[in-house]
Each structure stands twice: as structure tokens, then as C-alpha cells.
PDB file of N, CA and C in Angstrom:
ATOM      1  N   MET A   1      12.563  33.040  30.062  1.00  0.00           N
ATOM      2  CA  MET A   1      13.487  32.104  30.235  1.00  0.00           C
ATOM      3  C   MET A   1      13.551  31.377  29.141  1.00  0.00           C
ATOM      4  N   PRO A   2      14.538  30.400  28.909  1.00  0.00           N
ATOM      5  CA  PRO A   2      14.634  29.741  27.645  1.00  0.00           C
ATOM      6  C   PRO A   2      14.251  28.450  27.956  1.00  0.00           C
ATOM      7  N   HIS A   3      13.653  27.857  26.894  1.00  0.00           N
ATOM      8  CA  HIS A   3      12.635  26.776  26.990  1.00  0.00           C
ATOM      9  C   HIS A   3      13.300  25.200  26.279  1.00  0.00           C
ATOM     10  N   SER A   4      14.092  25.572  25.297  1.00  0.00           N
ATOM     11  CA  SER A   4      14.577  24.231  24.805  1.00  0.00           C
ATOM     12  C   SER A   4      15.992  23.947  25.492  1.00  0.00           C
ATOM     13  N   LEU A   5      16.360  22.743  25.418  1.00  0.00           N
ATOM     14  CA  LEU A   5      17.531  22.255  25.771  1.00  0.00           C
ATOM     15  C   LEU A   5      18.956  23.175  25.466  1.00  0.00           C
ATOM     16  N   ALA A   6      19.025  23.447  24.368  1.00  0.00           N
ATOM     17  CA  ALA A   6      20.166  24.306  23.962  1.00  0.00           C
ATOM     18  C   ALA A   6      20.043  25.636  24.474  1.00  0.00           C
ATOM     19  N   ASP A   7      18.901  26.125  24.431  1.00  0.00           N
ATOM     20  CA  ASP A   7      18.669  27.417  25.137  1.00  0.00           C
ATOM     21  C   ASP A   7      19.072  27.363  26.526  1.00  0.00           C
ATOM     22  N   ALA A   8      18.835  26.584  27.357  1.00  0.00           N
ATOM     23  CA  ALA A   8      19.025  26.178  28.836  1.00  0.00           C
ATOM     24  C   ALA A   8      20.541  26.111  29.128  1.00  0.00           C
ATOM     25  N   THR A   9      21.207  25.285  28.113  1.00  0.00           N
ATOM     26  CA  THR A   9      22.465  25.304  28.275  1.00  0.00           C
ATOM     27  C   THR A   9      23.178  26.490  28.058  1.00  0.00           C
ATOM     28  N   PHE A  10      22.855  27.053  27.016  1.00  0.00           N
ATOM     29  CA  PHE A  10      23.279  28.541  26.510  1.00  0.00           C
ATOM     30  C   PHE A  10      23.318  29.691  27.772  1.00  0.00           C
ATOM     31  N   ALA A  11      22.044  29.415  28.390  1.00  0.00           N
ATOM     32  CA  ALA A  11      21.649  30.395  29.447  1.00  0.00           C
ATOM     33  C   ALA A  11      22.768  30.355  30.639  1.00  0.00           C
ATOM     34  N   LEU A  12      22.862  28.991  30.986  1.00  0.00           N
ATOM     35  CA  LEU A  12      23.687  28.613  32.173  1.00  0.00           C
ATOM     36  C   LEU A  12      24.988  28.563  31.789  1.00  0.00           C
ATOM     37  N   THR A  13      25.290  28.623  30.763  1.00  0.00           N
ATOM     38  CA  THR A  13      26.918  28.944  30.330  1.00  0.00           C
ATOM     39  C   THR A  13      27.280  30.379  30.354  1.00  0.00           C
ATOM     40  N   GLN A  14      26.336  31.232  29.744  1.00  0.00           N
ATOM     41  CA  GLN A  14      26.426  32.525  29.726  1.00  0.00           C
ATOM     42  C   GLN A  14      26.387  33.230  31.064  1.00  0.00           C
ATOM     43  N   THR A  15      25.669  32.720  32.146  1.00  0.00           N
ATOM     44  CA  THR A  15      25.689  33.135  33.520  1.00  0.00           C
ATOM     45  C   THR A  15      26.940  32.685  34.271  1.00  0.00           C
ATOM     46  N   GLY A  16      27.587  31.897  33.548  1.00  0.00           N
ATOM     47  CA  GLY A  16      28.889  31.180  34.281  1.00  0.00           C
ATOM     48  C   GLY A  16      28.590  30.270  35.207  1.00  0.00           C
ATOM     49  N   VAL A  17      27.322  29.653  35.538  1.00  0.00           N
ATOM     50  CA  VAL A  17      26.959  28.687  36.143  1.00  0.00           C
ATOM     51  C   VAL A  17      27.705  27.282  35.786  1.00  0.00           C
ATOM     52  N   LEU A  18      28.048  26.872  34.619  1.00  0.00           N
ATOM     53  CA  LEU A  18      28.612  25.822  34.199  1.00  0.00           C
ATOM     54  C   LEU A  18      30.180  25.759  34.074  1.00  0.00           C
ATOM     55  N   SER A  19      30.728  26.925  34.641  1.00  0.00           N
ATOM     56  CA  SER A  19      32.099  26.997  34.582  1.00  0.00           C
ATOM     57  C   SER A  19      32.784  27.109  35.958  1.00  0.00           C
ATOM     58  N   PHE A  20      31.902  27.022  36.797  1.00  0.00           N
ATOM     59  CA  PHE A  20      32.271  27.445  38.144  1.00  0.00           C
ATOM     60  C   PHE A  20      33.291  25.933  38.468  1.00  0.00           C
ATOM     61  N   ASP A  21      34.425  26.322  39.136  1.00  0.00           N
ATOM     62  CA  ASP A  21      35.461  25.354  39.555  1.00  0.00           C
ATOM     63  C   ASP A  21      35.005  24.796  41.013  1.00  0.00           C
ATOM     64  N   LYS A  22      34.087  25.100  41.909  1.00  0.00           N
ATOM     65  CA  LYS A  22      33.803  24.482  42.885  1.00  0.00           C
ATOM     66  C   LYS A  22      32.361  23.912  42.863  1.00  0.00           C
ATOM     67  N   PRO A  23      32.223  23.241  44.075  1.00  0.00           N
ATOM     68  CA  PRO A  23      30.953  22.533  43.767  1.00  0.00           C
ATOM     69  C   PRO A  23      29.818  23.374  44.045  1.00  0.00           C
ATOM     70  N   LEU A  24      28.739  23.069  43.283  1.00  0.00           N
ATOM     71  CA  LEU A  24      27.500  24.195  43.465  1.00  0.00           C
ATOM     72  C   LEU A  24      26.267  23.335  43.449  1.00  0.00           C
ATOM     73  N   TRP A  25      25.557  24.009  44.338  1.00  0.00           N
ATOM     74  CA  TRP A  25      24.150  23.286  44.677  1.00  0.00           C
ATOM     75  C   TRP A  25      23.047  24.401  44.569  1.00  0.00           C
ATOM     76  N   ILE A  26      22.037  24.355  43.482  1.00  0.00           N
ATOM     77  CA  ILE A  26      21.145  25.426  43.471  1.00  0.00           C
ATOM     78  C   ILE A  26      19.732  25.111  44.389  1.00  0.00           C
ATOM     79  N   SER A  27      19.357  25.835  44.862  1.00  0.00           N
ATOM     80  CA  SER A  27      18.152  25.589  45.741  1.00  0.00           C
ATOM     81  C   SER A  27      16.901  26.275  45.290  1.00  0.00           C
ATOM     82  N   GLU A  28      15.851  25.876  45.757  1.00  0.00           N
ATOM     83  CA  GLU A  28      14.408  26.276  45.520  1.00  0.00           C
ATOM     84  C   GLU A  28      14.126  26.739  43.853  1.00  0.00           C
ATOM     85  N   ILE A  29      14.313  25.634  43.160  1.00  0.00           N
ATOM     86  CA  ILE A  29      14.033  25.702  41.629  1.00  0.00           C
ATOM     87  C   ILE A  29      12.751  25.047  41.420  1.00  0.00           C
ATOM     88  N   GLY A  30      11.909  25.831  40.587  1.00  0.00           N
ATOM     89  CA  GLY A  30      10.773  25.018  40.119  1.00  0.00           C
ATOM     90  C   GLY A  30       9.838  25.842  38.972  1.00  0.00           C
ATOM     91  N   CYS A  31       8.824  25.429  38.694  1.00  0.00           N
ATOM     92  CA  CYS A  31       7.920  26.106  37.627  1.00  0.00           C
ATOM     93  C   CYS A  31       7.101  26.975  38.270  1.00  0.00           C
ATOM     94  N   ASN A  32       6.935  28.134  37.640  1.00  0.00           N
ATOM     95  CA  ASN A  32       5.799  29.077  38.050  1.00  0.00           C
ATOM     96  C   ASN A  32       4.573  28.888  37.220  1.00  0.00           C
ATOM     97  N   LEU A  33       3.713  28.194  38.071  1.00  0.00           N
ATOM     98  CA  LEU A  33       2.348  27.725  37.460  1.00  0.00           C
ATOM     99  C   LEU A  33       1.394  28.806  37.404  1.00  0.00           C
ATOM    100  N   TRP A  34       1.879  30.076  37.592  1.00  0.00           N
ATOM    101  CA  TRP A  34       0.974  31.060  37.220  1.00  0.00           C
ATOM    102  C   TRP A  34       1.035  31.689  35.835  1.00  0.00           C
ATOM    103  N   ALA A  35       2.179  31.268  35.172  1.00  0.00           N
ATOM    104  CA  ALA A  35       2.416  31.569  33.961  1.00  0.00           C
ATOM    105  C   ALA A  35       1.324  31.281  32.985  1.00  0.00           C
ATOM    106  N   THR A  36       1.422  31.994  32.041  1.00  0.00           N
ATOM    107  CA  THR A  36       0.081  31.609  30.985  1.00  0.00           C
ATOM    108  C   THR A  36       0.312  30.668  30.159  1.00  0.00           C
ATOM    109  N   ASN A  37       1.798  30.282  30.029  1.00  0.00           N
ATOM    110  CA  ASN A  37       1.930  29.180  29.065  1.00  0.00           C
ATOM    111  C   ASN A  37       2.691  28.130  30.139  1.00  0.00           C
ATOM    112  N   GLN A  38       2.036  27.347  30.562  1.00  0.00           N
ATOM    113  CA  GLN A  38       2.623  26.360  31.860  1.00  0.00           C
ATOM    114  C   GLN A  38       3.335  25.314  30.883  1.00  0.00           C
ATOM    115  N   ASN A  39       2.926  25.130  29.524  1.00  0.00           N
ATOM    116  CA  ASN A  39       3.839  23.986  29.081  1.00  0.00           C
ATOM    117  C   ASN A  39       5.396  24.756  28.813  1.00  0.00           C
ATOM    118  N   ASN A  40       5.410  25.712  28.403  1.00  0.00           N
ATOM    119  CA  ASN A  40       6.745  26.315  28.578  1.00  0.00           C
ATOM    120  C   ASN A  40       7.489  26.311  29.828  1.00  0.00           C
ATOM    121  N   GLU A  41       6.772  26.436  30.800  1.00  0.00           N
ATOM    122  CA  GLU A  41       7.097  26.131  32.243  1.00  0.00           C
ATOM    123  C   GLU A  41       7.756  24.781  32.484  1.00  0.00           C
ATOM    124  N   TYR A  42       6.959  23.694  32.176  1.00  0.00           N
ATOM    125  CA  TYR A  42       7.427  22.449  32.104  1.00  0.00           C
ATOM    126  C   TYR A  42       8.515  22.227  31.498  1.00  0.00           C
ATOM    127  N   GLU A  43       8.623  22.620  30.061  1.00  0.00           N
ATOM    128  CA  GLU A  43       9.925  22.370  29.328  1.00  0.00           C
ATOM    129  C   GLU A  43      10.940  23.051  29.940  1.00  0.00           C
ATOM    130  N   TRP A  44      10.864  24.307  30.335  1.00  0.00           N
ATOM    131  CA  TRP A  44      12.091  24.982  30.724  1.00  0.00           C
ATOM    132  C   TRP A  44      12.556  24.357  32.219  1.00  0.00           C
ATOM    133  N   TYR A  45      11.445  23.776  32.902  1.00  0.00           N
ATOM    134  CA  TYR A  45      12.060  22.935  34.128  1.00  0.00           C
ATOM    135  C   TYR A  45      12.848  21.835  33.888  1.00  0.00           C
ATOM    136  N   ASN A  46      12.355  21.138  32.924  1.00  0.00           N
ATOM    137  CA  ASN A  46      13.035  19.607  32.519  1.00  0.00           C
ATOM    138  C   ASN A  46      14.071  19.931  31.701  1.00  0.00           C
ATOM    139  N   ASN A  47      14.351  20.947  31.149  1.00  0.00           N
ATOM    140  CA  ASN A  47      15.477  20.957  30.406  1.00  0.00           C
ATOM    141  C   ASN A  47      16.741  21.575  31.056  1.00  0.00           C
ATOM    142  N   THR A  48      16.101  22.488  32.136  1.00  0.00           N
ATOM    143  CA  THR A  48      17.294  23.083  33.085  1.00  0.00           C
ATOM    144  C   THR A  48      17.824  22.005  33.926  1.00  0.00           C
ATOM    145  N   LEU A  49      16.893  20.954  34.472  1.00  0.00           N
ATOM    146  CA  LEU A  49      17.157  20.119  35.365  1.00  0.00           C
ATOM    147  C   LEU A  49      18.137  19.173  34.592  1.00  0.00           C
ATOM    148  N   THR A  50      17.831  18.890  33.423  1.00  0.00           N
ATOM    149  CA  THR A  50      18.621  18.079  32.509  1.00  0.00           C
ATOM    150  C   THR A  50      19.929  18.612  32.464  1.00  0.00           C
ATOM    151  N   VAL A  51      20.291  19.726  32.059  1.00  0.00           N
ATOM    152  CA  VAL A  51      21.508  20.283  32.192  1.00  0.00           C
ATOM    153  C   VAL A  51      22.358  20.390  33.481  1.00  0.00           C
ATOM    154  N   LEU A  52      21.561  20.656  34.269  1.00  0.00           N
ATOM    155  CA  LEU A  52      22.118  20.492  35.809  1.00  0.00           C
ATOM    156  C   LEU A  52      22.772  19.033  36.140  1.00  0.00           C
ATOM    157  N   ASN A  53      21.736  18.194  35.734  1.00  0.00           N
ATOM    158  CA  ASN A  53      22.235  16.790  35.954  1.00  0.00           C
ATOM    159  C   ASN A  53      23.422  16.396  35.154  1.00  0.00           C
ATOM    160  N   GLN A  54      23.470  17.127  33.724  1.00  0.00           N
ATOM    161  CA  GLN A  54      24.743  16.641  32.923  1.00  0.00           C
ATOM    162  C   GLN A  54      25.979  17.166  33.719  1.00  0.00           C
ATOM    163  N   ASN A  55      25.689  18.227  34.186  1.00  0.00           N
ATOM    164  CA  ASN A  55      26.988  19.000  34.747  1.00  0.00           C
ATOM    165  C   ASN A  55      27.229  18.738  36.063  1.00  0.00           C
ATOM    166  N   ASN A  56      26.600  17.743  36.838  1.00  0.00           N
ATOM    167  CA  ASN A  56      26.742  17.355  38.223  1.00  0.00           C
ATOM    168  C   ASN A  56      26.504  18.283  39.128  1.00  0.00           C
ATOM    169  N   ILE A  57      25.504  19.144  38.895  1.00  0.00           N
ATOM    170  CA  ILE A  57      25.226  20.312  39.678  1.00  0.00           C
ATOM    171  C   ILE A  57      23.878  19.825  40.814  1.00  0.00           C
ATOM    172  N   GLY A  58      23.913  19.923  41.901  1.00  0.00           N
ATOM    173  CA  GLY A  58      22.997  19.728  42.869  1.00  0.00           C
ATOM    174  C   GLY A  58      21.889  20.562  42.709  1.00  0.00           C
ATOM    175  N   TYR A  59      20.659  20.285  43.111  1.00  0.00           N
ATOM    176  CA  TYR A  59      19.574  21.198  43.386  1.00  0.00           C
ATOM    177  C   TYR A  59      18.354  20.629  44.300  1.00  0.00           C
ATOM    178  N   ALA A  60      17.522  21.348  44.667  1.00  0.00           N
ATOM    179  CA  ALA A  60      16.233  21.120  45.474  1.00  0.00           C
ATOM    180  C   ALA A  60      15.124  21.648  44.827  1.00  0.00           C
ATOM    181  N   ALA A  61      13.961  21.149  45.167  1.00  0.00           N
ATOM    182  CA  ALA A  61      12.660  21.686  44.556  1.00  0.00           C
ATOM    183  C   ALA A  61      12.121  22.804  45.241  1.00  0.00           C
ATOM    184  N   TRP A  62      11.447  23.561  44.629  1.00  0.00           N
ATOM    185  CA  TRP A  62      10.441  24.385  45.353  1.00  0.00           C
ATOM    186  C   TRP A  62       9.156  24.068  44.981  1.00  0.00           C
ATOM    187  N   ALA A  63       8.205  24.098  45.577  1.00  0.00           N
ATOM    188  CA  ALA A  63       8.356  23.092  46.923  1.00  0.00           C
ATOM    189  C   ALA A  63       7.487  21.813  46.894  1.00  0.00           C
ATOM    190  N   TRP A  64       7.636  21.085  47.920  1.00  0.00           N
ATOM    191  CA  TRP A  64       7.225  19.590  47.669  1.00  0.00           C
ATOM    192  C   TRP A  64       5.685  19.616  48.075  1.00  0.00           C
ATOM    193  N   ALA A  65       5.407  20.401  48.766  1.00  0.00           N
ATOM    194  CA  ALA A  65       3.850  20.573  49.138  1.00  0.00           C
ATOM    195  C   ALA A  65       3.242  21.669  48.528  1.00  0.00           C
ATOM    196  N   PRO A  66       1.927  21.562  48.317  1.00  0.00           N
ATOM    197  CA  PRO A  66       1.048  22.749  47.626  1.00  0.00           C
ATOM    198  C   PRO A  66       1.625  24.157  48.423  1.00  0.00           C
ATOM    199  N   TRP A  67       1.714  25.201  47.866  1.00  0.00           N
ATOM    200  CA  TRP A  67       2.245  26.471  48.326  1.00  0.00           C
ATOM    201  C   TRP A  67       1.263  27.784  48.322  1.00  0.00           C
ATOM    202  N   ARG A  68       1.129  28.420  49.105  1.00  0.00           N
ATOM    203  CA  ARG A  68       0.275  29.699  49.268  1.00  0.00           C
ATOM    204  C   ARG A  68      -1.190  29.066  48.855  1.00  0.00           C
ATOM    205  N   THR A  69      -1.634  29.814  47.918  1.00  0.00           N
ATOM    206  CA  THR A  69      -3.485  29.190  47.850  1.00  0.00           C
ATOM    207  C   THR A  69      -3.617  28.177  46.833  1.00  0.00           C
ATOM    208  N   GLY A  70      -2.485  27.727  46.469  1.00  0.00           N
ATOM    209  CA  GLY A  70      -2.742  26.334  45.637  1.00  0.00           C
ATOM    210  C   GLY A  70      -1.407  25.606  45.033  1.00  0.00           C
ATOM    211  N   THR A  71      -1.344  25.530  43.811  1.00  0.00           N
ATOM    212  CA  THR A  71      -0.131  24.726  43.594  1.00  0.00           C
ATOM    213  C   THR A  71       0.811  25.475  42.645  1.00  0.00           C
ATOM    214  N   GLN A  72       0.980  26.720  42.740  1.00  0.00           N
ATOM    215  CA  GLN A  72       1.563  27.766  41.843  1.00  0.00           C
ATOM    216  C   GLN A  72       2.986  27.307  41.545  1.00  0.00           C
ATOM    217  N   TRP A  73       3.665  26.883  42.690  1.00  0.00           N
ATOM    218  CA  TRP A  73       5.108  26.364  42.528  1.00  0.00           C
ATOM    219  C   TRP A  73       5.279  25.053  43.256  1.00  0.00           C
ATOM    220  N   GLY A  74       4.234  24.480  43.760  1.00  0.00           N
ATOM    221  CA  GLY A  74       4.362  23.323  44.351  1.00  0.00           C
ATOM    222  C   GLY A  74       4.647  21.967  43.401  1.00  0.00           C
ATOM    223  N   LEU A  75       4.784  20.787  43.820  1.00  0.00           N
ATOM    224  CA  LEU A  75       5.197  19.635  43.139  1.00  0.00           C
ATOM    225  C   LEU A  75       4.074  18.593  43.130  1.00  0.00           C
ATOM    226  N   VAL A  76       2.916  18.823  44.131  1.00  0.00           N
ATOM    227  CA  VAL A  76       1.926  18.162  44.377  1.00  0.00           C
ATOM    228  C   VAL A  76       0.598  18.703  44.264  1.00  0.00           C
ATOM    229  N   ASN A  77      -0.458  18.085  44.272  1.00  0.00           N
ATOM    230  CA  ASN A  77      -1.677  18.563  44.386  1.00  0.00           C
ATOM    231  C   ASN A  77      -2.534  17.847  45.522  1.00  0.00           C
ATOM    232  N   GLY A  78      -3.599  18.200  46.162  1.00  0.00           N
ATOM    233  CA  GLY A  78      -4.008  17.481  47.078  1.00  0.00           C
ATOM    234  C   GLY A  78      -3.666  17.761  48.580  1.00  0.00           C
ATOM    235  N   GLY A  79      -4.045  17.241  49.502  1.00  0.00           N
ATOM    236  CA  GLY A  79      -3.516  17.513  50.843  1.00  0.00           C
ATOM    237  C   GLY A  79      -3.290  15.881  51.538  1.00  0.00           C
ATOM    238  N   VAL A  80      -2.813  16.130  52.946  1.00  0.00           N
ATOM    239  CA  VAL A  80      -2.475  15.096  53.472  1.00  0.00           C
ATOM    240  C   VAL A  80      -3.856  14.289  53.790  1.00  0.00           C
ATOM    241  N   PRO A  81      -3.512  12.934  53.581  1.00  0.00           N
ATOM    242  CA  PRO A  81      -2.655  12.388  53.082  1.00  0.00           C
ATOM    243  C   PRO A  81      -2.669  11.790  51.815  1.00  0.00           C
ATOM    244  N   ASN A  82      -3.272  12.549  51.056  1.00  0.00           N
ATOM    245  CA  ASN A  82      -3.750  12.133  49.469  1.00  0.00           C
ATOM    246  C   ASN A  82      -2.783  13.102  48.697  1.00  0.00           C
ATOM    247  N   TYR A  83      -1.455  13.473  48.680  1.00  0.00           N
ATOM    248  CA  TYR A  83      -0.662  14.263  47.895  1.00  0.00           C
ATOM    249  C   TYR A  83      -0.663  13.292  46.740  1.00  0.00           C
ATOM    250  N   GLN A  84      -0.680  14.094  45.271  1.00  0.00           N
ATOM    251  CA  GLN A  84      -0.457  13.395  44.162  1.00  0.00           C
ATOM    252  C   GLN A  84       0.482  14.402  43.264  1.00  0.00           C
ATOM    253  N   LEU A  85       1.391  13.665  42.423  1.00  0.00           N
ATOM    254  CA  LEU A  85       2.378  14.737  41.682  1.00  0.00           C
ATOM    255  C   LEU A  85       1.524  15.314  40.735  1.00  0.00           C
ATOM    256  N   ASN A  86       1.718  16.495  40.525  1.00  0.00           N
ATOM    257  CA  ASN A  86       1.570  17.535  39.538  1.00  0.00           C
ATOM    258  C   ASN A  86       2.639  17.118  38.160  1.00  0.00           C
ATOM    259  N   PRO A  87       2.416  17.811  37.362  1.00  0.00           N
ATOM    260  CA  PRO A  87       3.168  17.715  36.226  1.00  0.00           C
ATOM    261  C   PRO A  87       4.786  18.176  36.507  1.00  0.00           C
ATOM    262  N   ALA A  88       4.832  19.124  37.490  1.00  0.00           N
ATOM    263  CA  ALA A  88       5.974  19.470  37.953  1.00  0.00           C
ATOM    264  C   ALA A  88       6.713  18.484  38.767  1.00  0.00           C
ATOM    265  N   GLY A  89       5.901  18.022  39.511  1.00  0.00           N
ATOM    266  CA  GLY A  89       6.335  16.941  40.574  1.00  0.00           C
ATOM    267  C   GLY A  89       6.826  15.640  39.630  1.00  0.00           C
ATOM    268  N   GLN A  90       6.233  15.218  38.764  1.00  0.00           N
ATOM    269  CA  GLN A  90       6.553  14.228  37.600  1.00  0.00           C
ATOM    270  C   GLN A  90       7.922  14.311  37.314  1.00  0.00           C
ATOM    271  N   ILE A  91       8.189  15.575  36.655  1.00  0.00           N
ATOM    272  CA  ILE A  91       9.261  16.131  36.159  1.00  0.00           C
ATOM    273  C   ILE A  91      10.450  16.001  37.064  1.00  0.00           C
ATOM    274  N   PHE A  92      10.419  16.646  38.397  1.00  0.00           N
ATOM    275  CA  PHE A  92      11.385  16.410  39.130  1.00  0.00           C
ATOM    276  C   PHE A  92      11.430  15.010  39.708  1.00  0.00           C
ATOM    277  N   GLN A  93      10.662  14.193  40.000  1.00  0.00           N
ATOM    278  CA  GLN A  93      11.059  12.820  40.333  1.00  0.00           C
ATOM    279  C   GLN A  93      11.713  12.142  39.180  1.00  0.00           C
ATOM    280  N   ASN A  94      11.091  12.271  38.008  1.00  0.00           N
ATOM    281  CA  ASN A  94      11.969  11.536  36.930  1.00  0.00           C
ATOM    282  C   ASN A  94      13.430  12.201  36.757  1.00  0.00           C
ATOM    283  N   GLN A  95      13.811  13.451  37.030  1.00  0.00           N
ATOM    284  CA  GLN A  95      15.014  14.059  36.942  1.00  0.00           C
ATOM    285  C   GLN A  95      16.068  13.199  37.871  1.00  0.00           C
ATOM    286  N   ILE A  96      15.446  13.392  39.122  1.00  0.00           N
ATOM    287  CA  ILE A  96      16.154  12.799  40.209  1.00  0.00           C
ATOM    288  C   ILE A  96      16.552  11.254  40.299  1.00  0.00           C
ATOM    289  N   ALA A  97      15.590  10.469  39.509  1.00  0.00           N
ATOM    290  CA  ALA A  97      15.802   9.226  39.253  1.00  0.00           C
ATOM    291  C   ALA A  97      16.685   8.962  38.040  1.00  0.00           C
ATOM    292  N   ALA A  98      16.994   9.812  37.302  1.00  0.00           N
ATOM    293  CA  ALA A  98      17.766   9.671  36.056  1.00  0.00           C
ATOM    294  C   ALA A  98      19.287   9.307  36.488  1.00  0.00           C
TER     295      ALA A  98
END
């Protein structure tokens, strides 16, 4: 997956996502925290959400709670009632507040 903002823009342009003439909403977008280079995942996630925001494309995160055996795709660590945002959760929160 592309990591830089320019790469994310290029990929979304090449796939046609940025040229749709109808409202678009993307579901279940998130980091793969099983990846060997999590920093690349965080960069990809932040840059992709930036491009989606710039183009008024809606999205939902996968997943707010820890998922499966840990936080591989989740946005939080911990359990009820002590959830804490992990880096992916902080990126998502920052992007929806932008």
C-alpha cells in the first residue's frame, strides 16, 4: 500500500475512487497492526484518511474495540471500562476532528 500522501492520492485516483460522481462512503478502514512495519501502516492510514477528508468521502473505522486476540485492527487497547486509544485510534480521532 502507498504510504506518502502523494502515493495515497495517486492510488485512490488510479482506482477511480476520487472520480466518482455519486456520494461515496467507505466502511471498515483501518491499520493492519500485524504488519512488520507498523509505522508504515500508521502513515498509510493517516494519509488515506487525509485524502478521503479532502475529497469529502465518508468512512468508518475498523474497529473501535480490540478485535480477535488483541488490537491487530482495533483503535483501542484495554477493556471495559478502561479503553485507551492506541496510535491508530489517535489518528482516527484526529482525522474526524479535522
